[in-house]
Amino acid sequence: MKTPVFVVFLTGLAFQLSAQEGTVAIQQDPKIDQLVKLYTEVNSKAEFYQIQVGFGTYQRAQDLKDQVDIDFPGWYSKIEFESPTYRVRLGKFRTKLEAERKYLEVRKKYPDAMLLKPEADSK
């Protein structure tokens, strides 16, 4: 007798339950959008140290980039075309010290890697 009463009681409670509904309004200072835009502009113009891992045809560069992405996950990598070859570059390092430390790490896997200075720094 206790079980049917308990089941009826739970069923009654289940019909009374309802999900909470509401809206969330986020209020933020309009200057935040300006700061994000400014930050993006500054970083797009900033010069970085990079590590060139290798170069060759587009297919070789693509294969090398895929391997680099596996070996160094989370690092920025890209393929750049500089006539007549495609070059695989790794990282965006702001300081020479940081770049040199990462360069030593990369050289263990890719002995032919080269550390590239920022354009503004090499002039």
PDB file of N, CA and C in Angstrom:
ATOM      1  N   MET A   1       0.817  -1.191   0.000  1.00  0.00           N
ATOM      2  CA  MET A   1       0.000   0.000   0.000  1.00  0.00           C
ATOM      3  C   MET A   1       0.865   1.261   0.000  1.00  0.00           C
ATOM      4  N   LYS A   2       2.022   1.163   0.611  1.00  0.00           N
ATOM      5  CA  LYS A   2       2.893   2.327   0.661  1.00  0.00           C
ATOM      6  C   LYS A   2       3.439   2.675  -0.724  1.00  0.00           C
ATOM      7  N   THR A   3       3.748   1.673  -1.524  1.00  0.00           N
ATOM      8  CA  THR A   3       4.345   1.914  -2.836  1.00  0.00           C
ATOM      9  C   THR A   3       3.399   2.668  -3.763  1.00  0.00           C
ATOM     10  N   PRO A   4       2.116   2.271  -3.916  1.00  0.00           N
ATOM     11  CA  PRO A   4       1.231   3.043  -4.812  1.00  0.00           C
ATOM     12  C   PRO A   4       1.042   4.492  -4.354  1.00  0.00           C
ATOM     13  N   VAL A   5       0.976   4.709  -3.051  1.00  0.00           N
ATOM     14  CA  VAL A   5       0.801   6.069  -2.531  1.00  0.00           C
ATOM     15  C   VAL A   5       2.060   6.891  -2.852  1.00  0.00           C
ATOM     16  N   PHE A   6       3.202   6.258  -2.675  1.00  0.00           N
ATOM     17  CA  PHE A   6       4.461   6.935  -2.959  1.00  0.00           C
ATOM     18  C   PHE A   6       4.576   7.288  -4.445  1.00  0.00           C
ATOM     19  N   VAL A   7       4.183   6.367  -5.331  1.00  0.00           N
ATOM     20  CA  VAL A   7       4.229   6.601  -6.774  1.00  0.00           C
ATOM     21  C   VAL A   7       3.286   7.734  -7.155  1.00  0.00           C
ATOM     22  N   VAL A   8       2.085   7.756  -6.596  1.00  0.00           N
ATOM     23  CA  VAL A   8       1.123   8.822  -6.882  1.00  0.00           C
ATOM     24  C   VAL A   8       1.669  10.165  -6.397  1.00  0.00           C
ATOM     25  N   PHE A   9       2.279  10.151  -5.224  1.00  0.00           N
ATOM     26  CA  PHE A   9       2.853  11.369  -4.664  1.00  0.00           C
ATOM     27  C   PHE A   9       3.967  11.907  -5.572  1.00  0.00           C
ATOM     28  N   LEU A  10       4.883  11.046  -6.029  1.00  0.00           N
ATOM     29  CA  LEU A  10       5.967  11.467  -6.917  1.00  0.00           C
ATOM     30  C   LEU A  10       5.440  11.947  -8.263  1.00  0.00           C
ATOM     31  N   THR A  11       4.428  11.282  -8.789  1.00  0.00           N
ATOM     32  CA  THR A  11       3.840  11.695 -10.054  1.00  0.00           C
ATOM     33  C   THR A  11       3.228  13.088  -9.925  1.00  0.00           C
ATOM     34  N   GLY A  12       2.552  13.331  -8.816  1.00  0.00           N
ATOM     35  CA  GLY A  12       1.968  14.653  -8.566  1.00  0.00           C
ATOM     36  C   GLY A  12       3.039  15.729  -8.490  1.00  0.00           C
ATOM     37  N   LEU A  13       4.160  15.423  -7.848  1.00  0.00           N
ATOM     38  CA  LEU A  13       5.253  16.385  -7.758  1.00  0.00           C
ATOM     39  C   LEU A  13       5.884  16.641  -9.130  1.00  0.00           C
ATOM     40  N   ALA A  14       5.982  15.599  -9.928  1.00  0.00           N
ATOM     41  CA  ALA A  14       6.594  15.740 -11.247  1.00  0.00           C
ATOM     42  C   ALA A  14       5.796  16.694 -12.122  1.00  0.00           C
ATOM     43  N   PHE A  15       4.477  16.675 -12.004  1.00  0.00           N
ATOM     44  CA  PHE A  15       3.662  17.587 -12.800  1.00  0.00           C
ATOM     45  C   PHE A  15       3.774  19.029 -12.303  1.00  0.00           C
ATOM     46  N   GLN A  16       4.133  19.200 -11.042  1.00  0.00           N
ATOM     47  CA  GLN A  16       4.265  20.531 -10.487  1.00  0.00           C
ATOM     48  C   GLN A  16       5.614  21.176 -10.819  1.00  0.00           C
ATOM     49  N   LEU A  17       6.591  20.351 -11.158  1.00  0.00           N
ATOM     50  CA  LEU A  17       7.915  20.887 -11.472  1.00  0.00           C
ATOM     51  C   LEU A  17       7.914  21.542 -12.848  1.00  0.00           C
ATOM     52  N   SER A  18       8.595  22.629 -12.961  1.00  0.00           N
ATOM     53  CA  SER A  18       8.751  23.276 -14.259  1.00  0.00           C
ATOM     54  C   SER A  18      10.137  23.917 -14.306  1.00  0.00           C
ATOM     55  N   ALA A  19      10.658  24.015 -15.486  1.00  0.00           N
ATOM     56  CA  ALA A  19      11.991  24.598 -15.652  1.00  0.00           C
ATOM     57  C   ALA A  19      11.933  26.100 -15.391  1.00  0.00           C
ATOM     58  N   GLN A  20      13.019  26.587 -14.879  1.00  0.00           N
ATOM     59  CA  GLN A  20      13.097  28.027 -14.654  1.00  0.00           C
ATOM     60  C   GLN A  20      13.410  28.703 -15.974  1.00  0.00           C
ATOM     61  N   GLU A  21      12.749  29.785 -16.210  1.00  0.00           N
ATOM     62  CA  GLU A  21      12.982  30.543 -17.424  1.00  0.00           C
ATOM     63  C   GLU A  21      13.356  31.962 -17.040  1.00  0.00           C
ATOM     64  N   GLY A  22      14.139  32.569 -17.893  1.00  0.00           N
ATOM     65  CA  GLY A  22      14.535  33.937 -17.625  1.00  0.00           C
ATOM     66  C   GLY A  22      15.466  34.427 -18.711  1.00  0.00           C
ATOM     67  N   THR A  23      15.798  35.670 -18.618  1.00  0.00           N
ATOM     68  CA  THR A  23      16.740  36.251 -19.564  1.00  0.00           C
ATOM     69  C   THR A  23      17.897  36.856 -18.787  1.00  0.00           C
ATOM     70  N   VAL A  24      19.033  36.884 -19.434  1.00  0.00           N
ATOM     71  CA  VAL A  24      20.220  37.460 -18.828  1.00  0.00           C
ATOM     72  C   VAL A  24      20.591  38.693 -19.631  1.00  0.00           C
ATOM     73  N   ALA A  25      20.737  39.782 -18.958  1.00  0.00           N
ATOM     74  CA  ALA A  25      21.144  41.026 -19.617  1.00  0.00           C
ATOM     75  C   ALA A  25      22.542  41.380 -19.122  1.00  0.00           C
ATOM     76  N   ILE A  26      23.479  41.427 -20.043  1.00  0.00           N
ATOM     77  CA  ILE A  26      24.849  41.762 -19.685  1.00  0.00           C
ATOM     78  C   ILE A  26      25.073  43.234 -19.993  1.00  0.00           C
ATOM     79  N   GLN A  27      25.490  43.935 -18.982  1.00  0.00           N
ATOM     80  CA  GLN A  27      25.784  45.354 -19.155  1.00  0.00           C
ATOM     81  C   GLN A  27      27.288  45.523 -19.081  1.00  0.00           C
ATOM     82  N   GLN A  28      27.860  46.038 -20.149  1.00  0.00           N
ATOM     83  CA  GLN A  28      29.300  46.267 -20.147  1.00  0.00           C
ATOM     84  C   GLN A  28      29.589  47.678 -20.625  1.00  0.00           C
ATOM     85  N   ASP A  29      30.688  48.172 -20.170  1.00  0.00           N
ATOM     86  CA  ASP A  29      31.118  49.502 -20.548  1.00  0.00           C
ATOM     87  C   ASP A  29      31.432  49.513 -22.050  1.00  0.00           C
ATOM     88  N   PRO A  30      30.940  50.498 -22.792  1.00  0.00           N
ATOM     89  CA  PRO A  30      31.218  50.556 -24.238  1.00  0.00           C
ATOM     90  C   PRO A  30      32.708  50.691 -24.554  1.00  0.00           C
ATOM     91  N   LYS A  31      33.499  51.114 -23.594  1.00  0.00           N
ATOM     92  CA  LYS A  31      34.933  51.259 -23.824  1.00  0.00           C
ATOM     93  C   LYS A  31      35.622  49.904 -23.991  1.00  0.00           C
ATOM     94  N   ILE A  32      34.985  48.831 -23.523  1.00  0.00           N
ATOM     95  CA  ILE A  32      35.574  47.496 -23.673  1.00  0.00           C
ATOM     96  C   ILE A  32      35.699  47.145 -25.148  1.00  0.00           C
ATOM     97  N   ASP A  33      34.674  47.444 -25.936  1.00  0.00           N
ATOM     98  CA  ASP A  33      34.740  47.171 -27.371  1.00  0.00           C
ATOM     99  C   ASP A  33      35.861  47.966 -28.028  1.00  0.00           C
ATOM    100  N   GLN A  34      36.045  49.208 -27.599  1.00  0.00           N
ATOM    101  CA  GLN A  34      37.123  50.031 -28.138  1.00  0.00           C
ATOM    102  C   GLN A  34      38.487  49.446 -27.767  1.00  0.00           C
ATOM    103  N   LEU A  35      38.613  48.950 -26.536  1.00  0.00           N
ATOM    104  CA  LEU A  35      39.878  48.356 -26.109  1.00  0.00           C
ATOM    105  C   LEU A  35      40.190  47.076 -26.884  1.00  0.00           C
ATOM    106  N   VAL A  36      39.184  46.254 -27.130  1.00  0.00           N
ATOM    107  CA  VAL A  36      39.384  45.027 -27.892  1.00  0.00           C
ATOM    108  C   VAL A  36      39.824  45.364 -29.319  1.00  0.00           C
ATOM    109  N   LYS A  37      39.208  46.363 -29.913  1.00  0.00           N
ATOM    110  CA  LYS A  37      39.573  46.786 -31.268  1.00  0.00           C
ATOM    111  C   LYS A  37      41.010  47.307 -31.295  1.00  0.00           C
ATOM    112  N   LEU A  38      41.373  48.119 -30.327  1.00  0.00           N
ATOM    113  CA  LEU A  38      42.727  48.659 -30.234  1.00  0.00           C
ATOM    114  C   LEU A  38      43.748  47.538 -30.033  1.00  0.00           C
ATOM    115  N   TYR A  39      43.445  46.596 -29.166  1.00  0.00           N
ATOM    116  CA  TYR A  39      44.324  45.453 -28.904  1.00  0.00           C
ATOM    117  C   TYR A  39      44.554  44.650 -30.180  1.00  0.00           C
ATOM    118  N   THR A  40      43.484  44.417 -30.948  1.00  0.00           N
ATOM    119  CA  THR A  40      43.591  43.673 -32.198  1.00  0.00           C
ATOM    120  C   THR A  40      44.472  44.407 -33.202  1.00  0.00           C
ATOM    121  N   GLU A  41      44.301  45.718 -33.308  1.00  0.00           N
ATOM    122  CA  GLU A  41      45.113  46.511 -34.235  1.00  0.00           C
ATOM    123  C   GLU A  41      46.592  46.470 -33.858  1.00  0.00           C
ATOM    124  N   VAL A  42      46.875  46.626 -32.583  1.00  0.00           N
ATOM    125  CA  VAL A  42      48.266  46.636 -32.125  1.00  0.00           C
ATOM    126  C   VAL A  42      48.914  45.278 -32.380  1.00  0.00           C
ATOM    127  N   ASN A  43      48.207  44.201 -32.077  1.00  0.00           N
ATOM    128  CA  ASN A  43      48.786  42.876 -32.271  1.00  0.00           C
ATOM    129  C   ASN A  43      48.937  42.508 -33.734  1.00  0.00           C
ATOM    130  N   SER A  44      48.086  43.047 -34.600  1.00  0.00           N
ATOM    131  CA  SER A  44      48.219  42.724 -36.025  1.00  0.00           C
ATOM    132  C   SER A  44      49.438  43.414 -36.623  1.00  0.00           C
ATOM    133  N   LYS A  45      49.853  44.544 -36.051  1.00  0.00           N
ATOM    134  CA  LYS A  45      51.002  45.278 -36.567  1.00  0.00           C
ATOM    135  C   LYS A  45      52.299  44.904 -35.855  1.00  0.00           C
ATOM    136  N   ALA A  46      52.187  44.187 -34.753  1.00  0.00           N
ATOM    137  CA  ALA A  46      53.365  43.848 -33.966  1.00  0.00           C
ATOM    138  C   ALA A  46      54.251  42.858 -34.706  1.00  0.00           C
ATOM    139  N   GLU A  47      55.523  42.986 -34.510  1.00  0.00           N
ATOM    140  CA  GLU A  47      56.493  42.077 -35.113  1.00  0.00           C
ATOM    141  C   GLU A  47      56.843  41.000 -34.094  1.00  0.00           C
ATOM    142  N   PHE A  48      56.978  39.780 -34.566  1.00  0.00           N
ATOM    143  CA  PHE A  48      57.253  38.655 -33.693  1.00  0.00           C
ATOM    144  C   PHE A  48      58.449  37.866 -34.205  1.00  0.00           C
ATOM    145  N   TYR A  49      59.132  37.223 -33.288  1.00  0.00           N
ATOM    146  CA  TYR A  49      60.119  36.228 -33.670  1.00  0.00           C
ATOM    147  C   TYR A  49      59.353  34.981 -34.085  1.00  0.00           C
ATOM    148  N   GLN A  50      59.859  34.290 -35.092  1.00  0.00           N
ATOM    149  CA  GLN A  50      59.251  33.050 -35.537  1.00  0.00           C
ATOM    150  C   GLN A  50      60.336  32.019 -35.799  1.00  0.00           C
ATOM    151  N   ILE A  51      59.928  30.768 -35.840  1.00  0.00           N
ATOM    152  CA  ILE A  51      60.844  29.680 -36.145  1.00  0.00           C
ATOM    153  C   ILE A  51      60.419  29.091 -37.479  1.00  0.00           C
ATOM    154  N   GLN A  52      61.329  29.086 -38.435  1.00  0.00           N
ATOM    155  CA  GLN A  52      61.038  28.459 -39.724  1.00  0.00           C
ATOM    156  C   GLN A  52      61.472  27.002 -39.632  1.00  0.00           C
ATOM    157  N   VAL A  53      60.513  26.115 -39.781  1.00  0.00           N
ATOM    158  CA  VAL A  53      60.757  24.690 -39.610  1.00  0.00           C
ATOM    159  C   VAL A  53      61.244  24.055 -40.907  1.00  0.00           C
ATOM    160  N   GLY A  54      60.737  24.518 -42.038  1.00  0.00           N
ATOM    161  CA  GLY A  54      61.143  23.937 -43.312  1.00  0.00           C
ATOM    162  C   GLY A  54      60.476  24.658 -44.467  1.00  0.00           C
ATOM    163  N   PHE A  55      60.782  24.181 -45.682  1.00  0.00           N
ATOM    164  CA  PHE A  55      60.206  24.805 -46.867  1.00  0.00           C
ATOM    165  C   PHE A  55      60.192  23.797 -47.995  1.00  0.00           C
ATOM    166  N   GLY A  56      59.518  24.155 -49.068  1.00  0.00           N
ATOM    167  CA  GLY A  56      59.451  23.288 -50.238  1.00  0.00           C
ATOM    168  C   GLY A  56      58.200  23.559 -51.033  1.00  0.00           C
ATOM    169  N   THR A  57      57.707  22.536 -51.707  1.00  0.00           N
ATOM    170  CA  THR A  57      56.479  22.656 -52.483  1.00  0.00           C
ATOM    171  C   THR A  57      55.305  22.830 -51.525  1.00  0.00           C
ATOM    172  N   TYR A  58      54.155  23.195 -52.100  1.00  0.00           N
ATOM    173  CA  TYR A  58      52.984  23.387 -51.245  1.00  0.00           C
ATOM    174  C   TYR A  58      52.613  22.094 -50.526  1.00  0.00           C
ATOM    175  N   GLN A  59      52.667  20.963 -51.222  1.00  0.00           N
ATOM    176  CA  GLN A  59      52.303  19.688 -50.601  1.00  0.00           C
ATOM    177  C   GLN A  59      53.272  19.331 -49.480  1.00  0.00           C
ATOM    178  N   ARG A  60      54.569  19.547 -49.704  1.00  0.00           N
ATOM    179  CA  ARG A  60      55.551  19.264 -48.652  1.00  0.00           C
ATOM    180  C   ARG A  60      55.338  20.189 -47.459  1.00  0.00           C
ATOM    181  N   ALA A  61      55.059  21.456 -47.733  1.00  0.00           N
ATOM    182  CA  ALA A  61      54.810  22.417 -46.653  1.00  0.00           C
ATOM    183  C   ALA A  61      53.556  22.039 -45.867  1.00  0.00           C
ATOM    184  N   GLN A  62      52.518  21.593 -46.570  1.00  0.00           N
ATOM    185  CA  GLN A  62      51.279  21.201 -45.894  1.00  0.00           C
ATOM    186  C   GLN A  62      51.510  19.975 -45.007  1.00  0.00           C
ATOM    187  N   ASP A  63      52.250  18.995 -45.527  1.00  0.00           N
ATOM    188  CA  ASP A  63      52.572  17.802 -44.733  1.00  0.00           C
ATOM    189  C   ASP A  63      53.405  18.170 -43.512  1.00  0.00           C
ATOM    190  N   LEU A  64      54.369  19.060 -43.705  1.00  0.00           N
ATOM    191  CA  LEU A  64      55.222  19.491 -42.600  1.00  0.00           C
ATOM    192  C   LEU A  64      54.415  20.255 -41.555  1.00  0.00           C
ATOM    193  N   LYS A  65      53.512  21.120 -42.001  1.00  0.00           N
ATOM    194  CA  LYS A  65      52.668  21.871 -41.060  1.00  0.00           C
ATOM    195  C   LYS A  65      51.779  20.934 -40.265  1.00  0.00           C
ATOM    196  N   ASP A  66      51.225  19.919 -40.920  1.00  0.00           N
ATOM    197  CA  ASP A  66      50.395  18.941 -40.207  1.00  0.00           C
ATOM    198  C   ASP A  66      51.206  18.237 -39.126  1.00  0.00           C
ATOM    199  N   GLN A  67      52.451  17.885 -39.438  1.00  0.00           N
ATOM    200  CA  GLN A  67      53.315  17.223 -38.456  1.00  0.00           C
ATOM    201  C   GLN A  67      53.683  18.178 -37.319  1.00  0.00           C
ATOM    202  N   VAL A  68      53.958  19.434 -37.666  1.00  0.00           N
ATOM    203  CA  VAL A  68      54.303  20.438 -36.645  1.00  0.00           C
ATOM    204  C   VAL A  68      53.123  20.645 -35.695  1.00  0.00           C
ATOM    205  N   ASP A  69      51.896  20.670 -36.241  1.00  0.00           N
ATOM    206  CA  ASP A  69      50.707  20.842 -35.403  1.00  0.00           C
ATOM    207  C   ASP A  69      50.543  19.673 -34.426  1.00  0.00           C
ATOM    208  N   ILE A  70      50.990  18.493 -34.832  1.00  0.00           N
ATOM    209  CA  ILE A  70      50.939  17.328 -33.933  1.00  0.00           C
ATOM    210  C   ILE A  70      52.038  17.435 -32.877  1.00  0.00           C
ATOM    211  N   ASP A  71      53.248  17.801 -33.310  1.00  0.00           N
ATOM    212  CA  ASP A  71      54.398  17.875 -32.407  1.00  0.00           C
ATOM    213  C   ASP A  71      54.312  19.019 -31.404  1.00  0.00           C
ATOM    214  N   PHE A  72      53.720  20.135 -31.825  1.00  0.00           N
ATOM    215  CA  PHE A  72      53.638  21.318 -30.954  1.00  0.00           C
ATOM    216  C   PHE A  72      52.191  21.832 -30.929  1.00  0.00           C
ATOM    217  N   PRO A  73      51.296  21.080 -30.294  1.00  0.00           N
ATOM    218  CA  PRO A  73      49.894  21.514 -30.266  1.00  0.00           C
ATOM    219  C   PRO A  73      49.736  22.808 -29.470  1.00  0.00           C
ATOM    220  N   GLY A  74      48.850  23.650 -29.948  1.00  0.00           N
ATOM    221  CA  GLY A  74      48.593  24.910 -29.262  1.00  0.00           C
ATOM    222  C   GLY A  74      49.518  26.038 -29.697  1.00  0.00           C
ATOM    223  N   TRP A  75      50.537  25.745 -30.480  1.00  0.00           N
ATOM    224  CA  TRP A  75      51.428  26.783 -30.984  1.00  0.00           C
ATOM    225  C   TRP A  75      50.863  27.320 -32.287  1.00  0.00           C
ATOM    226  N   TYR A  76      51.080  28.582 -32.539  1.00  0.00           N
ATOM    227  CA  TYR A  76      50.661  29.202 -33.795  1.00  0.00           C
ATOM    228  C   TYR A  76      51.571  28.687 -34.911  1.00  0.00           C
ATOM    229  N   SER A  77      50.982  28.236 -36.016  1.00  0.00           N
ATOM    230  CA  SER A  77      51.782  27.805 -37.161  1.00  0.00           C
ATOM    231  C   SER A  77      51.081  28.243 -38.442  1.00  0.00           C
ATOM    232  N   LYS A  78      51.887  28.464 -39.480  1.00  0.00           N
ATOM    233  CA  LYS A  78      51.299  28.893 -40.748  1.00  0.00           C
ATOM    234  C   LYS A  78      52.242  28.551 -41.894  1.00  0.00           C
ATOM    235  N   ILE A  79      51.674  28.583 -43.089  1.00  0.00           N
ATOM    236  CA  ILE A  79      52.446  28.408 -44.312  1.00  0.00           C
ATOM    237  C   ILE A  79      52.475  29.761 -45.013  1.00  0.00           C
ATOM    238  N   GLU A  80      53.678  30.218 -45.357  1.00  0.00           N
ATOM    239  CA  GLU A  80      53.826  31.478 -46.084  1.00  0.00           C
ATOM    240  C   GLU A  80      54.488  31.194 -47.423  1.00  0.00           C
ATOM    241  N   PHE A  81      54.028  31.890 -48.442  1.00  0.00           N
ATOM    242  CA  PHE A  81      54.648  31.745 -49.758  1.00  0.00           C
ATOM    243  C   PHE A  81      55.627  32.871 -49.974  1.00  0.00           C
ATOM    244  N   GLU A  82      56.879  32.514 -50.175  1.00  0.00           N
ATOM    245  CA  GLU A  82      57.913  33.467 -50.578  1.00  0.00           C
ATOM    246  C   GLU A  82      58.566  32.846 -51.795  1.00  0.00           C
ATOM    247  N   SER A  83      58.373  33.473 -52.918  1.00  0.00           N
ATOM    248  CA  SER A  83      58.787  32.914 -54.198  1.00  0.00           C
ATOM    249  C   SER A  83      60.211  32.386 -54.123  1.00  0.00           C
ATOM    250  N   PRO A  84      60.485  31.212 -54.511  1.00  0.00           N
ATOM    251  CA  PRO A  84      59.657  30.255 -55.233  1.00  0.00           C
ATOM    252  C   PRO A  84      59.128  29.124 -54.354  1.00  0.00           C
ATOM    253  N   THR A  85      59.212  29.242 -53.015  1.00  0.00           N
ATOM    254  CA  THR A  85      58.830  28.119 -52.159  1.00  0.00           C
ATOM    255  C   THR A  85      57.830  28.527 -51.088  1.00  0.00           C
ATOM    256  N   TYR A  86      57.214  27.507 -50.506  1.00  0.00           N
ATOM    257  CA  TYR A  86      56.323  27.679 -49.370  1.00  0.00           C
ATOM    258  C   TYR A  86      57.125  27.387 -48.105  1.00  0.00           C
ATOM    259  N   ARG A  87      56.960  28.218 -47.097  1.00  0.00           N
ATOM    260  CA  ARG A  87      57.731  28.082 -45.863  1.00  0.00           C
ATOM    261  C   ARG A  87      56.787  27.840 -44.689  1.00  0.00           C
ATOM    262  N   VAL A  88      57.164  26.917 -43.819  1.00  0.00           N
ATOM    263  CA  VAL A  88      56.374  26.606 -42.626  1.00  0.00           C
ATOM    264  C   VAL A  88      57.000  27.336 -41.456  1.00  0.00           C
ATOM    265  N   ARG A  89      56.200  28.185 -40.826  1.00  0.00           N
ATOM    266  CA  ARG A  89      56.691  28.995 -39.711  1.00  0.00           C
ATOM    267  C   ARG A  89      55.876  28.687 -38.460  1.00  0.00           C
ATOM    268  N   LEU A  90      56.545  28.778 -37.343  1.00  0.00           N
ATOM    269  CA  LEU A  90      55.964  28.353 -36.073  1.00  0.00           C
ATOM    270  C   LEU A  90      56.165  29.446 -35.035  1.00  0.00           C
ATOM    271  N   GLY A  91      55.102  29.740 -34.295  1.00  0.00           N
ATOM    272  CA  GLY A  91      55.194  30.635 -33.154  1.00  0.00           C
ATOM    273  C   GLY A  91      55.057  32.107 -33.476  1.00  0.00           C
ATOM    274  N   LYS A  92      54.732  32.844 -32.433  1.00  0.00           N
ATOM    275  CA  LYS A  92      54.711  34.306 -32.435  1.00  0.00           C
ATOM    276  C   LYS A  92      55.302  34.709 -31.085  1.00  0.00           C
ATOM    277  N   PHE A  93      56.601  34.909 -31.062  1.00  0.00           N
ATOM    278  CA  PHE A  93      57.288  35.178 -29.806  1.00  0.00           C
ATOM    279  C   PHE A  93      57.676  36.643 -29.733  1.00  0.00           C
ATOM    280  N   ARG A  94      57.290  37.304 -28.664  1.00  0.00           N
ATOM    281  CA  ARG A  94      57.532  38.739 -28.515  1.00  0.00           C
ATOM    282  C   ARG A  94      58.980  39.052 -28.147  1.00  0.00           C
ATOM    283  N   THR A  95      59.570  38.216 -27.302  1.00  0.00           N
ATOM    284  CA  THR A  95      60.929  38.509 -26.846  1.00  0.00           C
ATOM    285  C   THR A  95      61.931  37.527 -27.439  1.00  0.00           C
ATOM    286  N   LYS A  96      63.146  37.975 -27.550  1.00  0.00           N
ATOM    287  CA  LYS A  96      64.200  37.123 -28.095  1.00  0.00           C
ATOM    288  C   LYS A  96      64.467  35.947 -27.167  1.00  0.00           C
ATOM    289  N   LEU A  97      64.406  36.167 -25.864  1.00  0.00           N
ATOM    290  CA  LEU A  97      64.646  35.105 -24.889  1.00  0.00           C
ATOM    291  C   LEU A  97      63.619  33.979 -25.038  1.00  0.00           C
ATOM    292  N   GLU A  98      62.351  34.360 -25.121  1.00  0.00           N
ATOM    293  CA  GLU A  98      61.291  33.367 -25.299  1.00  0.00           C
ATOM    294  C   GLU A  98      61.481  32.604 -26.612  1.00  0.00           C
ATOM    295  N   ALA A  99      61.820  33.316 -27.673  1.00  0.00           N
ATOM    296  CA  ALA A  99      62.012  32.692 -28.984  1.00  0.00           C
ATOM    297  C   ALA A  99      63.181  31.714 -28.956  1.00  0.00           C
ATOM    298  N   GLU A 100      64.275  32.097 -28.311  1.00  0.00           N
ATOM    299  CA  GLU A 100      65.438  31.217 -28.258  1.00  0.00           C
ATOM    300  C   GLU A 100      65.161  29.955 -27.455  1.00  0.00           C
ATOM    301  N   ARG A 101      64.411  30.087 -26.379  1.00  0.00           N
ATOM    302  CA  ARG A 101      64.049  28.900 -25.586  1.00  0.00           C
ATOM    303  C   ARG A 101      63.198  27.931 -26.399  1.00  0.00           C
ATOM    304  N   LYS A 102      62.213  28.459 -27.100  1.00  0.00           N
ATOM    305  CA  LYS A 102      61.356  27.608 -27.923  1.00  0.00           C
ATOM    306  C   LYS A 102      62.133  27.042 -29.110  1.00  0.00           C
ATOM    307  N   TYR A 103      63.055  27.825 -29.633  1.00  0.00           N
ATOM    308  CA  TYR A 103      63.878  27.379 -30.756  1.00  0.00           C
ATOM    309  C   TYR A 103      64.690  26.143 -30.373  1.00  0.00           C
ATOM    310  N   LEU A 104      65.273  26.151 -29.182  1.00  0.00           N
ATOM    311  CA  LEU A 104      66.034  24.984 -28.720  1.00  0.00           C
ATOM    312  C   LEU A 104      65.142  23.753 -28.614  1.00  0.00           C
ATOM    313  N   GLU A 105      63.902  23.966 -28.190  1.00  0.00           N
ATOM    314  CA  GLU A 105      62.937  22.866 -28.094  1.00  0.00           C
ATOM    315  C   GLU A 105      62.592  22.316 -29.487  1.00  0.00           C
ATOM    316  N   VAL A 106      62.392  23.205 -30.442  1.00  0.00           N
ATOM    317  CA  VAL A 106      62.031  22.798 -31.803  1.00  0.00           C
ATOM    318  C   VAL A 106      63.206  22.103 -32.482  1.00  0.00           C
ATOM    319  N   ARG A 107      64.427  22.574 -32.238  1.00  0.00           N
ATOM    320  CA  ARG A 107      65.612  21.991 -32.891  1.00  0.00           C
ATOM    321  C   ARG A 107      65.799  20.521 -32.544  1.00  0.00           C
ATOM    322  N   LYS A 108      65.293  20.080 -31.397  1.00  0.00           N
ATOM    323  CA  LYS A 108      65.392  18.669 -31.030  1.00  0.00           C
ATOM    324  C   LYS A 108      64.634  17.796 -32.025  1.00  0.00           C
ATOM    325  N   LYS A 109      63.513  18.289 -32.518  1.00  0.00           N
ATOM    326  CA  LYS A 109      62.676  17.539 -33.455  1.00  0.00           C
ATOM    327  C   LYS A 109      62.993  17.885 -34.910  1.00  0.00           C
ATOM    328  N   TYR A 110      63.324  19.151 -35.162  1.00  0.00           N
ATOM    329  CA  TYR A 110      63.603  19.638 -36.515  1.00  0.00           C
ATOM    330  C   TYR A 110      64.969  20.316 -36.519  1.00  0.00           C
ATOM    331  N   PRO A 111      66.045  19.564 -36.746  1.00  0.00           N
ATOM    332  CA  PRO A 111      67.399  20.131 -36.653  1.00  0.00           C
ATOM    333  C   PRO A 111      67.695  21.238 -37.664  1.00  0.00           C
ATOM    334  N   ASP A 112      66.961  21.291 -38.772  1.00  0.00           N
ATOM    335  CA  ASP A 112      67.208  22.320 -39.784  1.00  0.00           C
ATOM    336  C   ASP A 112      66.436  23.613 -39.531  1.00  0.00           C
ATOM    337  N   ALA A 113      65.731  23.702 -38.411  1.00  0.00           N
ATOM    338  CA  ALA A 113      64.920  24.887 -38.109  1.00  0.00           C
ATOM    339  C   ALA A 113      65.809  26.118 -37.958  1.00  0.00           C
ATOM    340  N   MET A 114      65.225  27.283 -38.279  1.00  0.00           N
ATOM    341  CA  MET A 114      65.944  28.552 -38.169  1.00  0.00           C
ATOM    342  C   MET A 114      65.106  29.538 -37.365  1.00  0.00           C
ATOM    343  N   LEU A 115      65.764  30.328 -36.539  1.00  0.00           N
ATOM    344  CA  LEU A 115      65.090  31.383 -35.788  1.00  0.00           C
ATOM    345  C   LEU A 115      65.072  32.638 -36.643  1.00  0.00           C
ATOM    346  N   LEU A 116      63.889  33.190 -36.873  1.00  0.00           N
ATOM    347  CA  LEU A 116      63.742  34.390 -37.706  1.00  0.00           C
ATOM    348  C   LEU A 116      63.476  35.599 -36.829  1.00  0.00           C
ATOM    349  N   LYS A 117      64.208  36.665 -37.079  1.00  0.00           N
ATOM    350  CA  LYS A 117      64.012  37.909 -36.337  1.00  0.00           C
ATOM    351  C   LYS A 117      62.872  38.693 -36.953  1.00  0.00           C
ATOM    352  N   PRO A 118      62.217  39.543 -36.167  1.00  0.00           N
ATOM    353  CA  PRO A 118      61.176  40.413 -36.745  1.00  0.00           C
ATOM    354  C   PRO A 118      61.794  41.361 -37.770  1.00  0.00           C
ATOM    355  N   GLU A 119      61.002  41.750 -38.723  1.00  0.00           N
ATOM    356  CA  GLU A 119      61.487  42.635 -39.801  1.00  0.00           C
ATOM    357  C   GLU A 119      62.052  43.932 -39.238  1.00  0.00           C
ATOM    358  N   ALA A 120      61.352  44.547 -38.291  1.00  0.00           N
ATOM    359  CA  ALA A 120      61.794  45.822 -37.732  1.00  0.00           C
ATOM    360  C   ALA A 120      63.101  45.648 -36.956  1.00  0.00           C
ATOM    361  N   ASP A 121      63.282  44.451 -36.351  1.00  0.00           N
ATOM    362  CA  ASP A 121      64.457  44.185 -35.541  1.00  0.00           C
ATOM    363  C   ASP A 121      65.688  43.912 -36.408  1.00  0.00           C
ATOM    364  N   SER A 122      65.473  43.402 -37.615  1.00  0.00           N
ATOM    365  CA  SER A 122      66.596  43.038 -38.465  1.00  0.00           C
ATOM    366  C   SER A 122      67.128  44.203 -39.292  1.00  0.00           C
ATOM    367  N   LYS A 123      66.463  45.351 -39.257  1.00  0.00           N
ATOM    368  CA  LYS A 123      66.909  46.525 -40.046  1.00  0.00           C
ATOM    369  C   LYS A 123      67.929  47.319 -39.277  1.00  0.00           C
TER     370      LYS A 123
END
